[in-house]
Amino acid sequence: MSLLLVLAGAALVAVAASNRVPRLGAPGPRLVPARLTEAGRATLTTVGGGALIAAFLLAALSG
């Protein structure tokens, strides 16, 4: 569970920080602009950071 939260949180924070998303196409994967607004970037950072914090708390409390 915590591993999935870490992966999801890291992906959301990476998209918010770089403002790019991977796109799978015929020639291969490439990064395209995500066209996020400032509010969108803030939301992704908040949700991704919260997922990372929850994952680390779950890992710490589980022993």
PDB file of N, CA and C in Angstrom:
ATOM      1  N   MET A   1       0.826  -1.196   0.000  1.00  0.00           N
ATOM      2  CA  MET A   1       0.000   0.000   0.000  1.00  0.00           C
ATOM      3  C   MET A   1       0.869   1.258   0.000  1.00  0.00           C
ATOM      4  N   SER A   2       1.873   1.270   0.871  1.00  0.00           N
ATOM      5  CA  SER A   2       2.707   2.464   0.945  1.00  0.00           C
ATOM      6  C   SER A   2       3.548   2.628  -0.328  1.00  0.00           C
ATOM      7  N   LEU A   3       3.908   1.512  -0.957  1.00  0.00           N
ATOM      8  CA  LEU A   3       4.678   1.610  -2.200  1.00  0.00           C
ATOM      9  C   LEU A   3       3.838   2.256  -3.301  1.00  0.00           C
ATOM     10  N   LEU A   4       2.567   1.897  -3.364  1.00  0.00           N
ATOM     11  CA  LEU A   4       1.690   2.516  -4.362  1.00  0.00           C
ATOM     12  C   LEU A   4       1.500   4.001  -4.095  1.00  0.00           C
ATOM     13  N   LEU A   5       1.395   4.373  -2.824  1.00  0.00           N
ATOM     14  CA  LEU A   5       1.271   5.791  -2.487  1.00  0.00           C
ATOM     15  C   LEU A   5       2.537   6.558  -2.848  1.00  0.00           C
ATOM     16  N   VAL A   6       3.696   5.959  -2.633  1.00  0.00           N
ATOM     17  CA  VAL A   6       4.958   6.616  -2.997  1.00  0.00           C
ATOM     18  C   VAL A   6       5.030   6.821  -4.510  1.00  0.00           C
ATOM     19  N   LEU A   7       4.675   5.791  -5.268  1.00  0.00           N
ATOM     20  CA  LEU A   7       4.734   5.910  -6.723  1.00  0.00           C
ATOM     21  C   LEU A   7       3.742   6.948  -7.249  1.00  0.00           C
ATOM     22  N   ALA A   8       2.532   6.928  -6.723  1.00  0.00           N
ATOM     23  CA  ALA A   8       1.527   7.901  -7.168  1.00  0.00           C
ATOM     24  C   ALA A   8       1.918   9.318  -6.764  1.00  0.00           C
ATOM     25  N   GLY A   9       2.375   9.488  -5.534  1.00  0.00           N
ATOM     26  CA  GLY A   9       2.781  10.811  -5.072  1.00  0.00           C
ATOM     27  C   GLY A   9       3.961  11.357  -5.850  1.00  0.00           C
ATOM     28  N   ALA A  10       4.941  10.494  -6.110  1.00  0.00           N
ATOM     29  CA  ALA A  10       6.111  10.939  -6.867  1.00  0.00           C
ATOM     30  C   ALA A  10       5.733  11.322  -8.297  1.00  0.00           C
ATOM     31  N   ALA A  11       4.824  10.581  -8.897  1.00  0.00           N
ATOM     32  CA  ALA A  11       4.394  10.904 -10.255  1.00  0.00           C
ATOM     33  C   ALA A  11       3.666  12.250 -10.295  1.00  0.00           C
ATOM     34  N   LEU A  12       2.793  12.486  -9.330  1.00  0.00           N
ATOM     35  CA  LEU A  12       2.051  13.756  -9.299  1.00  0.00           C
ATOM     36  C   LEU A  12       2.971  14.945  -9.068  1.00  0.00           C
ATOM     37  N   VAL A  13       3.912  14.794  -8.154  1.00  0.00           N
ATOM     38  CA  VAL A  13       4.847  15.893  -7.887  1.00  0.00           C
ATOM     39  C   VAL A  13       5.762  16.128  -9.088  1.00  0.00           C
ATOM     40  N   ALA A  14       6.170  15.052  -9.765  1.00  0.00           N
ATOM     41  CA  ALA A  14       7.033  15.207 -10.942  1.00  0.00           C
ATOM     42  C   ALA A  14       6.306  15.934 -12.067  1.00  0.00           C
ATOM     43  N   VAL A  15       5.034  15.618 -12.284  1.00  0.00           N
ATOM     44  CA  VAL A  15       4.259  16.306 -13.317  1.00  0.00           C
ATOM     45  C   VAL A  15       4.094  17.786 -12.952  1.00  0.00           C
ATOM     46  N   ALA A  16       3.821  18.057 -11.687  1.00  0.00           N
ATOM     47  CA  ALA A  16       3.641  19.446 -11.263  1.00  0.00           C
ATOM     48  C   ALA A  16       4.948  20.230 -11.369  1.00  0.00           C
ATOM     49  N   ALA A  17       6.071  19.607 -11.056  1.00  0.00           N
ATOM     50  CA  ALA A  17       7.351  20.311 -11.089  1.00  0.00           C
ATOM     51  C   ALA A  17       7.834  20.563 -12.514  1.00  0.00           C
ATOM     52  N   SER A  18       7.663  19.576 -13.392  1.00  0.00           N
ATOM     53  CA  SER A  18       8.187  19.719 -14.751  1.00  0.00           C
ATOM     54  C   SER A  18       7.167  20.269 -15.736  1.00  0.00           C
ATOM     55  N   ASN A  19       5.866  20.204 -15.397  1.00  0.00           N
ATOM     56  CA  ASN A  19       4.782  20.634 -16.270  1.00  0.00           C
ATOM     57  C   ASN A  19       4.802  19.878 -17.597  1.00  0.00           C
ATOM     58  N   ARG A  20       5.201  18.618 -17.539  1.00  0.00           N
ATOM     59  CA  ARG A  20       5.215  17.745 -18.719  1.00  0.00           C
ATOM     60  C   ARG A  20       4.660  16.381 -18.338  1.00  0.00           C
ATOM     61  N   VAL A  21       4.001  15.725 -19.310  1.00  0.00           N
ATOM     62  CA  VAL A  21       3.458  14.394 -19.100  1.00  0.00           C
ATOM     63  C   VAL A  21       3.959  13.472 -20.204  1.00  0.00           C
ATOM     64  N   PRO A  22       4.151  12.190 -19.901  1.00  0.00           N
ATOM     65  CA  PRO A  22       4.563  11.260 -20.953  1.00  0.00           C
ATOM     66  C   PRO A  22       3.392  10.943 -21.879  1.00  0.00           C
ATOM     67  N   ARG A  23       3.695  10.801 -23.153  1.00  0.00           N
ATOM     68  CA  ARG A  23       2.675  10.440 -24.128  1.00  0.00           C
ATOM     69  C   ARG A  23       3.209   9.288 -24.960  1.00  0.00           C
ATOM     70  N   LEU A  24       2.422   8.228 -25.031  1.00  0.00           N
ATOM     71  CA  LEU A  24       2.817   7.057 -25.808  1.00  0.00           C
ATOM     72  C   LEU A  24       2.267   7.209 -27.215  1.00  0.00           C
ATOM     73  N   GLY A  25       3.148   7.065 -28.184  1.00  0.00           N
ATOM     74  CA  GLY A  25       2.749   7.215 -29.577  1.00  0.00           C
ATOM     75  C   GLY A  25       3.426   6.177 -30.437  1.00  0.00           C
ATOM     76  N   ALA A  26       3.224   6.288 -31.737  1.00  0.00           N
ATOM     77  CA  ALA A  26       3.799   5.326 -32.676  1.00  0.00           C
ATOM     78  C   ALA A  26       5.332   5.348 -32.666  1.00  0.00           C
ATOM     79  N   PRO A  27       5.985   6.536 -32.701  1.00  0.00           N
ATOM     80  CA  PRO A  27       7.450   6.501 -32.716  1.00  0.00           C
ATOM     81  C   PRO A  27       8.056   6.158 -31.361  1.00  0.00           C
ATOM     82  N   GLY A  28       7.283   6.232 -30.308  1.00  0.00           N
ATOM     83  CA  GLY A  28       7.794   5.922 -28.974  1.00  0.00           C
ATOM     84  C   GLY A  28       7.316   6.942 -27.963  1.00  0.00           C
ATOM     85  N   PRO A  29       7.637   6.700 -26.708  1.00  0.00           N
ATOM     86  CA  PRO A  29       7.185   7.650 -25.685  1.00  0.00           C
ATOM     87  C   PRO A  29       7.948   8.971 -25.771  1.00  0.00           C
ATOM     88  N   ARG A  30       7.241  10.054 -25.487  1.00  0.00           N
ATOM     89  CA  ARG A  30       7.873  11.370 -25.466  1.00  0.00           C
ATOM     90  C   ARG A  30       7.144  12.242 -24.449  1.00  0.00           C
ATOM     91  N   LEU A  31       7.783  13.291 -24.025  1.00  0.00           N
ATOM     92  CA  LEU A  31       7.190  14.207 -23.060  1.00  0.00           C
ATOM     93  C   LEU A  31       6.549  15.379 -23.793  1.00  0.00           C
ATOM     94  N   VAL A  32       5.313  15.660 -23.441  1.00  0.00           N
ATOM     95  CA  VAL A  32       4.591  16.780 -24.035  1.00  0.00           C
ATOM     96  C   VAL A  32       4.183  17.735 -22.915  1.00  0.00           C
ATOM     97  N   PRO A  33       3.980  19.009 -23.230  1.00  0.00           N
ATOM     98  CA  PRO A  33       3.568  19.953 -22.183  1.00  0.00           C
ATOM     99  C   PRO A  33       2.219  19.577 -21.574  1.00  0.00           C
ATOM    100  N   ALA A  34       2.115  19.705 -20.260  1.00  0.00           N
ATOM    101  CA  ALA A  34       0.876  19.366 -19.563  1.00  0.00           C
ATOM    102  C   ALA A  34      -0.122  20.517 -19.592  1.00  0.00           C
ATOM    103  N   ARG A  35       0.320  21.741 -19.844  1.00  0.00           N
ATOM    104  CA  ARG A  35      -0.516  22.933 -19.914  1.00  0.00           C
ATOM    105  C   ARG A  35      -1.343  23.116 -18.636  1.00  0.00           C
ATOM    106  N   LEU A  36      -0.675  22.997 -17.492  1.00  0.00           N
ATOM    107  CA  LEU A  36      -1.342  23.175 -16.210  1.00  0.00           C
ATOM    108  C   LEU A  36      -1.383  24.654 -15.835  1.00  0.00           C
ATOM    109  N   THR A  37      -2.467  25.051 -15.210  1.00  0.00           N
ATOM    110  CA  THR A  37      -2.532  26.392 -14.654  1.00  0.00           C
ATOM    111  C   THR A  37      -1.783  26.396 -13.326  1.00  0.00           C
ATOM    112  N   GLU A  38      -1.613  27.567 -12.771  1.00  0.00           N
ATOM    113  CA  GLU A  38      -0.922  27.654 -11.480  1.00  0.00           C
ATOM    114  C   GLU A  38      -1.709  26.924 -10.398  1.00  0.00           C
ATOM    115  N   ALA A  39      -3.031  27.026 -10.451  1.00  0.00           N
ATOM    116  CA  ALA A  39      -3.866  26.310  -9.483  1.00  0.00           C
ATOM    117  C   ALA A  39      -3.771  24.798  -9.682  1.00  0.00           C
ATOM    118  N   GLY A  40      -3.670  24.372 -10.919  1.00  0.00           N
ATOM    119  CA  GLY A  40      -3.522  22.943 -11.200  1.00  0.00           C
ATOM    120  C   GLY A  40      -2.206  22.388 -10.690  1.00  0.00           C
ATOM    121  N   ARG A  41      -1.139  23.158 -10.900  1.00  0.00           N
ATOM    122  CA  ARG A  41       0.164  22.730 -10.385  1.00  0.00           C
ATOM    123  C   ARG A  41       0.172  22.677  -8.867  1.00  0.00           C
ATOM    124  N   ALA A  42      -0.482  23.648  -8.226  1.00  0.00           N
ATOM    125  CA  ALA A  42      -0.554  23.657  -6.770  1.00  0.00           C
ATOM    126  C   ALA A  42      -1.356  22.470  -6.253  1.00  0.00           C
ATOM    127  N   THR A  43      -2.430  22.133  -6.950  1.00  0.00           N
ATOM    128  CA  THR A  43      -3.252  20.993  -6.542  1.00  0.00           C
ATOM    129  C   THR A  43      -2.479  19.687  -6.669  1.00  0.00           C
ATOM    130  N   LEU A  44      -1.784  19.500  -7.797  1.00  0.00           N
ATOM    131  CA  LEU A  44      -1.000  18.273  -7.974  1.00  0.00           C
ATOM    132  C   LEU A  44       0.112  18.165  -6.934  1.00  0.00           C
ATOM    133  N   THR A  45       0.757  19.282  -6.634  1.00  0.00           N
ATOM    134  CA  THR A  45       1.809  19.265  -5.621  1.00  0.00           C
ATOM    135  C   THR A  45       1.247  18.923  -4.251  1.00  0.00           C
ATOM    136  N   THR A  46       0.104  19.488  -3.908  1.00  0.00           N
ATOM    137  CA  THR A  46      -0.507  19.237  -2.605  1.00  0.00           C
ATOM    138  C   THR A  46      -0.950  17.784  -2.473  1.00  0.00           C
ATOM    139  N   VAL A  47      -1.634  17.272  -3.480  1.00  0.00           N
ATOM    140  CA  VAL A  47      -2.125  15.894  -3.422  1.00  0.00           C
ATOM    141  C   VAL A  47      -0.954  14.906  -3.456  1.00  0.00           C
ATOM    142  N   GLY A  48       0.021  15.166  -4.312  1.00  0.00           N
ATOM    143  CA  GLY A  48       1.189  14.284  -4.386  1.00  0.00           C
ATOM    144  C   GLY A  48       2.009  14.308  -3.111  1.00  0.00           C
ATOM    145  N   GLY A  49       2.209  15.487  -2.541  1.00  0.00           N
ATOM    146  CA  GLY A  49       2.946  15.593  -1.288  1.00  0.00           C
ATOM    147  C   GLY A  49       2.211  14.927  -0.145  1.00  0.00           C
ATOM    148  N   GLY A  50       0.889  15.067  -0.126  1.00  0.00           N
ATOM    149  CA  GLY A  50       0.096  14.397   0.903  1.00  0.00           C
ATOM    150  C   GLY A  50       0.186  12.883   0.782  1.00  0.00           C
ATOM    151  N   ALA A  51       0.186  12.368  -0.447  1.00  0.00           N
ATOM    152  CA  ALA A  51       0.330  10.924  -0.655  1.00  0.00           C
ATOM    153  C   ALA A  51       1.700  10.439  -0.186  1.00  0.00           C
ATOM    154  N   LEU A  52       2.739  11.230  -0.439  1.00  0.00           N
ATOM    155  CA  LEU A  52       4.075  10.853   0.015  1.00  0.00           C
ATOM    156  C   LEU A  52       4.166  10.842   1.536  1.00  0.00           C
ATOM    157  N   ILE A  53       3.591  11.842   2.168  1.00  0.00           N
ATOM    158  CA  ILE A  53       3.605  11.897   3.639  1.00  0.00           C
ATOM    159  C   ILE A  53       2.831  10.714   4.213  1.00  0.00           C
ATOM    160  N   ALA A  54       1.666  10.415   3.655  1.00  0.00           N
ATOM    161  CA  ALA A  54       0.872   9.281   4.136  1.00  0.00           C
ATOM    162  C   ALA A  54       1.626   7.974   3.964  1.00  0.00           C
ATOM    163  N   ALA A  55       2.325   7.818   2.844  1.00  0.00           N
ATOM    164  CA  ALA A  55       3.095   6.592   2.605  1.00  0.00           C
ATOM    165  C   ALA A  55       4.213   6.429   3.616  1.00  0.00           C
ATOM    166  N   PHE A  56       4.928   7.502   3.904  1.00  0.00           N
ATOM    167  CA  PHE A  56       6.019   7.397   4.865  1.00  0.00           C
ATOM    168  C   PHE A  56       5.498   7.158   6.276  1.00  0.00           C
ATOM    169  N   LEU A  57       4.346   7.739   6.624  1.00  0.00           N
ATOM    170  CA  LEU A  57       3.760   7.474   7.937  1.00  0.00           C
ATOM    171  C   LEU A  57       3.292   6.025   8.050  1.00  0.00           C
ATOM    172  N   LEU A  58       2.686   5.502   6.992  1.00  0.00           N
ATOM    173  CA  LEU A  58       2.268   4.095   7.011  1.00  0.00           C
ATOM    174  C   LEU A  58       3.469   3.160   7.131  1.00  0.00           C
ATOM    175  N   ALA A  59       4.536   3.484   6.429  1.00  0.00           N
ATOM    176  CA  ALA A  59       5.730   2.641   6.505  1.00  0.00           C
ATOM    177  C   ALA A  59       6.369   2.713   7.883  1.00  0.00           C
ATOM    178  N   ALA A  60       6.365   3.889   8.483  1.00  0.00           N
ATOM    179  CA  ALA A  60       6.983   4.047   9.803  1.00  0.00           C
ATOM    180  C   ALA A  60       6.159   3.375  10.890  1.00  0.00           C
ATOM    181  N   LEU A  61       4.844   3.435  10.773  1.00  0.00           N
ATOM    182  CA  LEU A  61       3.980   2.865  11.802  1.00  0.00           C
ATOM    183  C   LEU A  61       3.835   1.352  11.676  1.00  0.00           C
ATOM    184  N   SER A  62       4.083   0.810  10.487  1.00  0.00           N
ATOM    185  CA  SER A  62       3.911  -0.634  10.304  1.00  0.00           C
ATOM    186  C   SER A  62       5.096  -1.430  10.855  1.00  0.00           C
ATOM    187  N   GLY A  63       6.151  -0.745  11.177  1.00  0.00           N
ATOM    188  CA  GLY A  63       7.264  -1.427  11.809  1.00  0.00           C
ATOM    189  C   GLY A  63       8.402  -1.557  10.894  1.00  0.00           C
TER     190      GLY A  63
END
